């Protein structure tokens, strides 16, 4: 009896444990299914995400020889800070020539206006001469009828009237020709003055462009320029990376994009800081194509050996600037992004155009105002009367940049290179 009972008892225990295990797995599956239905299906995550940002290239607008470098890799620079200075000798000479030509042109145009007044007075003199000649001719004709004046004298009077008429016509023509060069204009907006002023502005801007300033605040990267190097317009000298304006490009799989919309909240963690630091952001936009479509060598699927591969689409995620300031991120760092897609209303890719400029800088516009101020000073200095006082701030001269020395002393090894 005992022999048959033991196998039956062991089998029963085995089935009992299998039932318990199966029930446990079933319960876990049900719990996971409920959790997925209520929570997980509203979140899409990927660890194929990386920090992106602007890499602002510093390139010269004119040709020149590098004489000073104001910043090196890894250093922080502020917007407007001088980064590279080119040799200014040729630019200063060109500016001096342009300013001298403007001064000469102003005086020439002043002469045109003065000549108009002179010619107007000459016309009045000619009118007086003609009136006197006509009066004399009329008297002689009256006397000639009685024989008191000879015919020769009468002919001389007639010739004098004709000469006076010709002189009057010539004077009027000269006045009209001179007025054609000045009518409807003032000295400052005369075409010749404006042309010479444009040459001064061009020379002034050329001198200002010998000093390359940082368009934005950020960290210097990829410095390629060296002292004594001859550079041409468009040559990349260095780059400035504003790390306070970074974003995240997260590459999601195709099925994950179905309910993803603009503005949905995103939580992110960086491998740099670990899970202890959580960044918050929002979906800012979707790529116009997959990563494979815009790669250097796009995949060619029109072959017989085709294998379907799930594609990934870049999704741009905007970050909170305050969190970036507290925990700085660098371009290229790995991130993990989790998007809350519970609010799936609206179009997936709405066509909303923005009229505002996404990025802008006013660093390069300061030279225009200074050039205009210099032109006005030169014109005023060459007008009649005493020249107005020239202030240091409003009227920079040819030595505009001579006092703006670049801070090269703080660069490691800069003193060795410069001396």
Protein backbone atom coordinates (compact mmCIF):
# COMPACT_ATOMS: atom_id res chain seq x y z
CA UNK A 1 0.00 0.00 0.00
CA UNK A 2 2.74 2.46 0.90
CA UNK A 3 4.59 1.92 -2.39
CA UNK A 4 1.67 3.06 -4.57
CA UNK A 5 0.84 6.03 -2.33
CA UNK A 6 4.29 7.69 -2.50
CA UNK A 7 4.35 8.21 -6.33
CA UNK A 8 0.80 9.53 -6.23
CA UNK A 9 1.72 11.98 -3.48
CA UNK A 10 4.82 13.20 -5.38
CA UNK A 11 2.82 13.69 -8.57
CA UNK A 12 0.18 15.63 -6.70
CA UNK A 13 2.80 17.91 -5.17
CA UNK A 14 4.38 18.43 -8.55
CA UNK A 15 1.08 19.42 -10.15
CA UNK A 16 0.33 21.66 -7.17
CA UNK A 17 3.61 23.57 -7.60
CA UNK A 18 3.09 23.80 -11.34
CA UNK A 19 -0.38 25.18 -10.78
CA UNK A 20 0.93 27.70 -8.28
CA UNK A 21 3.70 28.77 -10.68
CA UNK A 22 1.30 29.00 -13.58
CA UNK A 23 -1.14 31.00 -11.52
CA UNK A 24 1.62 33.30 -10.37
CA UNK A 25 2.74 33.91 -13.98
CA UNK A 26 -0.88 34.46 -14.97
CA UNK A 27 -1.38 36.98 -12.19
CA UNK A 28 1.89 38.75 -13.12
CA UNK A 29 0.76 38.80 -16.75
CA UNK A 30 -2.60 40.24 -15.83
CA UNK A 31 -1.01 42.87 -13.58
CA UNK A 32 1.48 43.81 -16.30
CA UNK A 33 -1.32 43.94 -18.88
CA UNK A 34 -3.37 46.24 -16.67
CA UNK A 35 -0.29 48.38 -15.95
CA UNK A 36 0.54 48.58 -19.66
CA UNK A 37 -3.06 49.46 -20.55
CA UNK A 38 -3.29 52.13 -17.86
CA UNK A 39 0.28 53.53 -17.82
CA UNK A 40 2.97 52.13 -20.11
CA UNK A 41 1.11 52.51 -23.39
CA UNK A 42 1.03 56.28 -22.83
CA UNK A 43 4.84 56.52 -22.72
CA UNK A 44 7.34 56.05 -25.53
CA UNK A 45 11.02 55.87 -24.65
CA UNK A 46 14.35 55.57 -26.40
CA UNK A 47 17.98 55.70 -25.40
CA UNK A 48 19.00 56.59 -28.95
CA UNK A 49 19.06 60.30 -28.09
CA UNK A 50 21.89 62.81 -28.11
CA UNK A 51 22.42 66.43 -27.15
CA UNK A 52 22.49 68.83 -30.09
CA UNK A 53 23.34 72.51 -30.37
CA UNK A 54 24.52 75.33 -32.59
CA UNK A 55 28.15 75.40 -33.70
CA UNK A 56 28.70 79.04 -34.73
CA UNK A 57 31.55 79.31 -37.21
CA UNK A 58 33.92 82.29 -36.98
CA UNK A 59 34.92 83.23 -40.53
CA UNK A 60 36.53 86.45 -41.84
CA UNK A 61 34.68 88.75 -44.24
CA UNK A 62 37.89 90.14 -45.73
CA UNK A 63 41.36 88.85 -46.53
CA UNK A 64 44.17 89.56 -44.12
CA UNK A 65 47.03 88.32 -41.97
CA UNK A 66 46.30 87.19 -38.42
CA UNK A 67 48.18 89.30 -35.89
CA UNK A 68 46.36 88.36 -32.65
CA UNK A 69 44.17 85.58 -31.31
CA UNK A 70 41.94 86.39 -28.35
CA UNK A 71 40.60 82.98 -27.30
CA UNK A 72 41.55 79.31 -27.36
CA UNK A 73 39.70 76.00 -27.23
CA UNK A 74 37.56 75.33 -24.12
CA UNK A 75 37.51 79.02 -23.12
CA UNK A 76 34.27 80.89 -22.56
CA UNK A 77 33.71 84.10 -24.54
CA UNK A 78 30.97 86.70 -24.41
CA UNK A 79 29.06 88.05 -27.39
CA UNK A 80 31.03 90.89 -28.95
CA UNK A 81 34.37 89.82 -27.47
CA UNK A 82 37.27 90.05 -29.92
CA UNK A 83 38.47 86.64 -31.04
CA UNK A 84 40.83 87.31 -33.96
CA UNK A 85 42.44 90.49 -35.26
CA UNK A 86 43.83 90.92 -38.76
CA UNK A 87 46.51 93.37 -39.87
CA UNK A 88 44.90 96.83 -40.18
CA UNK A 89 47.58 98.75 -42.11
CA UNK A 90 46.03 98.49 -45.58
CA UNK A 91 42.52 99.13 -44.25
CA UNK A 92 43.63 102.30 -42.47
CA UNK A 93 45.29 103.65 -45.62
CA UNK A 94 42.14 102.94 -47.65
CA UNK A 95 40.01 104.68 -45.03
CA UNK A 96 42.26 107.76 -45.05
CA UNK A 97 41.99 107.95 -48.83
CA UNK A 98 38.21 107.59 -48.77
CA UNK A 99 37.85 110.28 -46.09
CA UNK A 100 40.09 112.66 -48.04
CA UNK A 101 38.04 112.04 -51.19
CA UNK A 102 34.80 112.74 -49.30
CA UNK A 103 36.20 116.00 -47.94
CA UNK A 104 37.33 117.02 -51.44
CA UNK A 105 33.92 116.10 -52.89
CA UNK A 106 32.09 118.16 -50.27
CA UNK A 107 34.19 121.19 -51.17
CA UNK A 108 33.59 120.59 -54.91
CA UNK A 109 29.83 120.40 -54.37
CA UNK A 110 29.98 123.53 -52.23
CA UNK A 111 31.65 125.17 -55.23
CA UNK A 112 28.76 124.02 -57.44
CA UNK A 113 26.21 125.69 -55.17
CA UNK A 114 28.34 128.82 -54.98
CA UNK A 115 28.76 128.84 -58.77
CA UNK A 116 24.98 128.78 -59.17
CA UNK A 117 24.70 131.97 -57.16
CA UNK A 118 27.51 133.53 -59.18
CA UNK A 119 25.89 132.58 -62.47
CA UNK A 120 22.57 133.95 -61.28
CA UNK A 121 24.26 137.30 -60.62
CA UNK A 122 25.90 137.12 -64.06
CA UNK A 123 22.48 136.63 -65.67
CA UNK A 124 21.21 139.74 -63.91
CA UNK A 125 24.21 141.70 -65.22
CA UNK A 126 23.51 140.45 -68.74
CA UNK A 127 19.86 141.43 -68.40
CA UNK A 128 20.93 144.93 -67.38
CA UNK A 129 23.36 145.17 -70.30
CA UNK A 130 20.65 144.06 -72.73
CA UNK A 131 18.15 146.55 -71.33
CA UNK A 132 20.75 149.37 -71.67
CA UNK A 133 21.61 148.34 -75.25
CA UNK A 134 17.94 148.19 -76.24
CA UNK A 135 17.30 151.63 -74.69
CA UNK A 136 20.30 153.08 -76.53
CA UNK A 137 19.11 151.55 -79.81
CA UNK A 138 15.63 153.02 -79.36
CA UNK A 139 17.04 156.53 -78.83
CA UNK A 140 19.31 156.26 -81.85
CA UNK A 141 16.47 155.09 -84.04
CA UNK A 142 14.47 158.17 -83.06
CA UNK A 143 17.44 160.39 -83.87
CA UNK A 144 18.18 158.46 -87.07
CA UNK A 145 14.75 159.37 -88.47
CA UNK A 146 15.72 163.05 -88.41
CA UNK A 147 19.21 162.40 -89.79
CA UNK A 148 20.96 163.38 -86.53
CA UNK A 149 22.63 159.93 -86.25
CA UNK A 150 24.51 158.27 -89.04
CA UNK A 151 23.55 154.85 -90.33
CA UNK A 152 26.87 153.42 -89.19
CA UNK A 153 26.25 154.49 -85.61
CA UNK A 154 22.75 153.02 -85.76
CA UNK A 155 24.21 149.74 -87.00
CA UNK A 156 26.68 149.69 -84.09
CA UNK A 157 23.79 150.11 -81.66
CA UNK A 158 21.92 147.26 -83.32
CA UNK A 159 24.99 145.02 -83.09
CA UNK A 160 25.38 145.94 -79.43
CA UNK A 161 21.80 144.74 -78.75
CA UNK A 162 22.46 141.49 -80.54
CA UNK A 163 25.70 140.98 -78.57
CA UNK A 164 23.89 141.67 -75.31
CA UNK A 165 21.16 139.18 -76.27
CA UNK A 166 23.79 136.53 -77.04
CA UNK A 167 25.56 137.22 -73.76
CA UNK A 168 22.27 136.95 -71.88
CA UNK A 169 21.47 133.64 -73.59
CA UNK A 170 24.93 132.23 -72.81
CA UNK A 171 24.64 133.27 -69.17
CA UNK A 172 21.20 131.70 -68.85
CA UNK A 173 22.44 128.47 -70.43
CA UNK A 174 25.41 128.29 -68.05
CA UNK A 175 23.09 128.88 -65.11
CA UNK A 176 20.70 126.15 -66.32
CA UNK A 177 23.60 123.70 -66.83
CA UNK A 178 24.94 124.33 -63.35
CA UNK A 179 21.49 124.17 -61.77
CA UNK A 180 20.95 120.78 -63.39
CA UNK A 181 23.80 119.50 -61.20
CA UNK A 182 22.44 120.87 -57.91
CA UNK A 183 18.67 121.43 -58.25
CA UNK A 184 16.52 119.32 -55.94
CA UNK A 185 19.43 118.36 -53.70
CA UNK A 186 21.21 119.51 -50.60
CA UNK A 187 24.89 119.21 -49.98
CA UNK A 188 24.56 116.00 -47.92
CA UNK A 189 22.30 114.16 -50.35
CA UNK A 190 24.05 115.31 -53.52
CA UNK A 191 24.92 112.25 -55.67
CA UNK A 192 28.63 113.00 -55.66
CA UNK A 193 28.68 113.40 -51.88
CA UNK A 194 26.63 110.25 -51.39
CA UNK A 195 29.01 108.29 -53.63
CA UNK A 196 32.04 109.51 -51.69
CA UNK A 197 30.23 108.83 -48.40
CA UNK A 198 29.52 105.26 -49.51
CA UNK A 199 33.23 104.80 -50.19
CA UNK A 200 33.99 105.99 -46.64
CA UNK A 201 31.45 103.58 -45.19
CA UNK A 202 32.91 100.72 -47.20
CA UNK A 203 36.46 101.53 -46.07
CA UNK A 204 35.29 102.00 -42.49
CA UNK A 205 33.51 98.63 -42.46
CA UNK A 206 36.58 96.99 -43.96
CA UNK A 207 38.66 98.38 -41.10
CA UNK A 208 36.07 97.23 -38.55
CA UNK A 209 36.04 93.75 -40.08
CA UNK A 210 39.72 93.30 -39.35
CA UNK A 211 38.54 92.45 -35.84
CA UNK A 212 36.40 89.32 -35.62
CA UNK A 213 34.00 89.33 -32.68
CA UNK A 214 32.05 86.47 -31.13
CA UNK A 215 28.47 86.53 -32.49
CA UNK A 216 27.13 84.75 -29.38
CA UNK A 217 28.30 83.85 -25.90
CA UNK A 218 29.66 80.34 -25.59
CA UNK A 219 32.69 78.08 -25.49
CA UNK A 220 35.40 78.11 -28.15
CA UNK A 221 35.89 74.87 -30.05
CA UNK A 222 37.88 73.69 -33.08
CA UNK A 223 40.35 76.58 -33.26
CA UNK A 224 42.22 76.23 -36.55
CA UNK A 225 43.75 79.70 -36.92
CA UNK A 226 47.40 80.44 -36.18
CA UNK A 227 49.38 83.67 -35.84
CA UNK A 228 50.74 84.95 -39.13
CA UNK A 229 48.26 82.91 -41.14
CA UNK A 230 46.92 84.53 -44.30
CA UNK A 231 43.17 84.03 -44.33
CA UNK A 232 40.54 84.69 -46.98
CA UNK A 233 36.79 85.31 -46.67
CA UNK A 234 34.89 82.24 -45.54
CA UNK A 235 37.89 80.41 -44.02
CA UNK A 236 36.77 78.62 -40.79
CA UNK A 237 38.99 79.97 -38.01
CA UNK A 238 37.22 78.62 -34.92
CA UNK A 239 33.75 77.86 -33.62
CA UNK A 240 31.72 79.14 -30.68
CA UNK A 241 29.22 76.77 -29.09
CA UNK A 242 26.46 78.37 -26.95
CA UNK A 243 25.77 75.58 -24.46
CA UNK A 244 22.85 77.48 -22.93
CA UNK A 245 20.81 76.86 -26.09
CA UNK A 246 21.15 73.09 -26.56
CA UNK A 247 18.41 70.60 -27.35
CA UNK A 248 18.04 66.83 -27.67
CA UNK A 249 17.55 64.87 -30.89
CA UNK A 250 15.83 61.59 -29.95
CA UNK A 251 15.54 58.90 -32.63
CA UNK A 252 12.27 57.00 -32.18
CA UNK A 253 11.15 53.93 -34.10
CA UNK A 254 8.34 54.25 -36.62
CA UNK A 255 5.60 52.59 -34.49
CA UNK A 256 6.39 54.90 -31.58
CA UNK A 257 5.43 58.03 -33.52
CA UNK A 258 1.75 57.24 -34.03
CA UNK A 259 0.47 59.23 -31.04
CA UNK A 260 3.39 61.58 -30.62
CA UNK A 261 2.49 65.27 -31.00
CA UNK A 262 4.10 68.69 -30.62
CA UNK A 263 4.23 70.06 -27.08
CA UNK A 264 3.97 66.68 -25.30
CA UNK A 265 6.04 66.58 -22.09
CA UNK A 266 9.31 64.68 -22.03
CA UNK A 267 11.51 63.53 -19.17
CA UNK A 268 15.16 62.88 -19.88
CA UNK A 269 18.21 61.55 -18.09
CA UNK A 270 21.83 61.94 -19.14
CA UNK A 271 24.51 59.30 -18.84
CA UNK A 272 26.72 62.11 -17.55
CA UNK A 273 24.63 62.68 -14.42
CA UNK A 274 22.83 59.36 -14.12
CA UNK A 275 19.24 58.89 -13.00
CA UNK A 276 19.66 61.25 -10.05
CA UNK A 277 19.26 64.29 -12.35
CA UNK A 278 16.07 64.43 -14.41
CA UNK A 279 15.62 66.98 -17.20
CA UNK A 280 12.21 68.14 -18.39
CA UNK A 281 11.33 69.26 -21.87
CA UNK A 282 8.74 69.09 -24.61
CA UNK A 283 8.47 67.83 -28.17
CA UNK A 284 9.53 70.74 -30.42
CA UNK A 285 9.37 69.13 -33.86
CA UNK A 286 9.79 66.08 -36.05
CA UNK A 287 12.38 65.38 -38.69
CA UNK A 288 11.23 65.58 -42.30
CA UNK A 289 12.61 62.11 -42.99
CA UNK A 290 14.29 59.14 -41.40
CA UNK A 291 17.94 59.11 -40.52
CA UNK A 292 18.67 56.69 -43.36
CA UNK A 293 17.03 58.99 -45.92
CA UNK A 294 19.32 61.90 -45.04
CA UNK A 295 22.49 59.89 -44.49
CA UNK A 296 25.57 60.45 -46.62
CA UNK A 297 25.00 57.11 -48.39
CA UNK A 298 21.25 56.37 -48.35
CA UNK A 299 20.24 52.74 -48.38
CA UNK A 300 19.40 51.28 -51.79
CA UNK A 301 16.47 48.92 -51.29
CA UNK A 302 15.71 48.29 -54.96
CA UNK A 303 17.64 45.02 -54.94
CA UNK A 304 16.72 41.36 -54.66
CA UNK A 305 18.43 40.99 -51.26
CA UNK A 306 16.09 43.35 -49.44
CA UNK A 307 15.65 43.06 -45.68
CA UNK A 308 13.13 45.21 -43.88
CA UNK A 309 14.68 47.30 -41.12
CA UNK A 310 12.65 49.40 -38.71
CA UNK A 311 13.54 53.01 -39.41
CA UNK A 312 14.07 55.74 -36.85
CA UNK A 313 12.92 59.35 -37.15
CA UNK A 314 14.65 62.20 -35.27
CA UNK A 315 12.41 64.09 -32.85
CA UNK A 316 13.67 67.40 -31.48
CA UNK A 317 13.10 67.99 -27.78
CA UNK A 318 13.37 71.45 -26.24
CA UNK A 319 14.89 71.60 -22.76
CA UNK A 320 14.26 73.84 -19.77
CA UNK A 321 16.97 76.58 -19.77
CA UNK A 322 17.00 76.70 -15.96
CA UNK A 323 17.79 73.00 -15.72
CA UNK A 324 20.53 73.38 -18.34
CA UNK A 325 22.06 76.23 -16.34
CA UNK A 326 22.02 74.09 -13.19
CA UNK A 327 23.39 70.97 -14.94
CA UNK A 328 25.22 71.95 -18.14
CA UNK A 329 25.14 69.59 -21.11
CA UNK A 330 27.64 69.29 -23.94
CA UNK A 331 26.93 68.51 -27.55
CA UNK A 332 26.90 64.81 -28.35
CA UNK A 333 26.16 63.50 -24.85
CA UNK A 334 23.93 60.41 -24.64
CA UNK A 335 20.45 60.86 -23.24
CA UNK A 336 17.40 58.71 -22.52
CA UNK A 337 14.06 60.28 -23.41
CA UNK A 338 10.57 59.27 -22.28
CA UNK A 339 7.63 61.00 -23.97
CA UNK A 340 4.18 61.18 -22.41
CA UNK A 341 1.80 60.60 -25.34
CA UNK A 342 -1.42 60.47 -23.30
CA UNK A 343 -2.47 63.81 -24.79
CA UNK A 344 -2.55 62.87 -28.47
CA UNK A 345 -4.78 65.63 -29.81
CA UNK A 346 -3.95 67.76 -32.84
CA UNK A 347 -2.12 66.99 -36.06
CA UNK A 348 1.02 64.92 -35.98
CA UNK A 349 2.96 67.39 -38.10
CA UNK A 350 1.02 70.69 -38.14
CA UNK A 351 2.16 73.22 -40.72
CA UNK A 352 2.62 76.24 -38.47
CA UNK A 353 4.98 78.89 -39.85
CA UNK A 354 6.94 81.18 -37.56
CA UNK A 355 7.58 84.78 -38.57
CA UNK A 356 10.16 85.46 -35.87
CA UNK A 357 13.86 84.79 -36.45
CA UNK A 358 14.98 81.64 -34.69
CA UNK A 359 18.52 82.96 -34.13
CA UNK A 360 19.95 86.45 -34.50
CA UNK A 361 22.87 88.61 -33.40
CA UNK A 362 23.48 92.36 -33.40
CA UNK A 363 27.26 92.15 -33.05
CA UNK A 364 27.92 92.93 -36.72
CA UNK A 365 25.59 95.95 -36.93
CA UNK A 366 27.55 98.36 -34.73
CA UNK A 367 29.97 99.39 -37.49
CA UNK A 368 27.18 100.86 -39.64
CA UNK A 369 26.21 103.49 -37.06
CA UNK A 370 29.84 104.41 -36.42
CA UNK A 371 30.52 104.73 -40.15
CA UNK A 372 27.48 107.02 -40.59
CA UNK A 373 28.63 109.16 -37.67
CA UNK A 374 32.09 109.50 -39.20
CA UNK A 375 30.60 110.54 -42.57
CA UNK A 376 28.48 113.26 -40.93
CA UNK A 377 31.50 114.57 -39.06
CA UNK A 378 33.59 114.82 -42.25
CA UNK A 379 30.78 116.61 -44.11
CA UNK A 380 30.26 119.06 -41.25
CA UNK A 381 33.98 119.73 -40.98
CA UNK A 382 34.15 120.77 -44.65
CA UNK A 383 31.12 123.04 -44.68
CA UNK A 384 31.44 126.80 -44.38
CA UNK A 385 31.74 128.08 -40.83
CA UNK A 386 33.51 126.54 -37.83
CA UNK A 387 33.56 122.75 -37.64
CA UNK A 388 31.45 121.21 -34.87
CA UNK A 389 33.03 119.57 -31.88
CA UNK A 390 33.82 115.90 -32.34
CA UNK A 391 33.10 113.53 -29.48
CA UNK A 392 35.09 110.41 -28.95
CA UNK A 393 32.08 108.10 -28.89
CA UNK A 394 30.26 109.44 -31.97
CA UNK A 395 33.15 110.11 -34.30
CA UNK A 396 35.72 107.33 -34.38
CA UNK A 397 38.58 108.12 -36.70
CA UNK A 398 40.97 105.93 -38.67
CA UNK A 399 42.40 104.66 -35.39
CA UNK A 400 39.05 103.14 -34.50
CA UNK A 401 40.45 99.76 -33.55
CA UNK A 402 43.96 100.77 -32.59
CA UNK A 403 43.05 100.93 -28.91
CA UNK A 404 41.01 97.70 -29.00
CA UNK A 405 43.73 95.26 -28.12
CA UNK A 406 42.73 91.64 -27.82
CA UNK A 407 43.09 89.91 -24.44
CA UNK A 408 45.71 87.42 -25.54
CA UNK A 409 47.70 87.41 -22.33
CA UNK A 410 45.42 84.90 -20.65
CA UNK A 411 45.85 82.29 -23.37
CA UNK A 412 48.29 79.54 -22.36
CA UNK A 413 51.44 80.12 -24.33
CA UNK A 414 50.14 83.33 -25.95
CA UNK A 415 53.03 85.44 -24.65
CA UNK A 416 55.50 82.95 -26.06
CA UNK A 417 53.87 83.06 -29.50
CA UNK A 418 53.46 86.83 -29.63
CA UNK A 419 56.98 87.65 -28.47
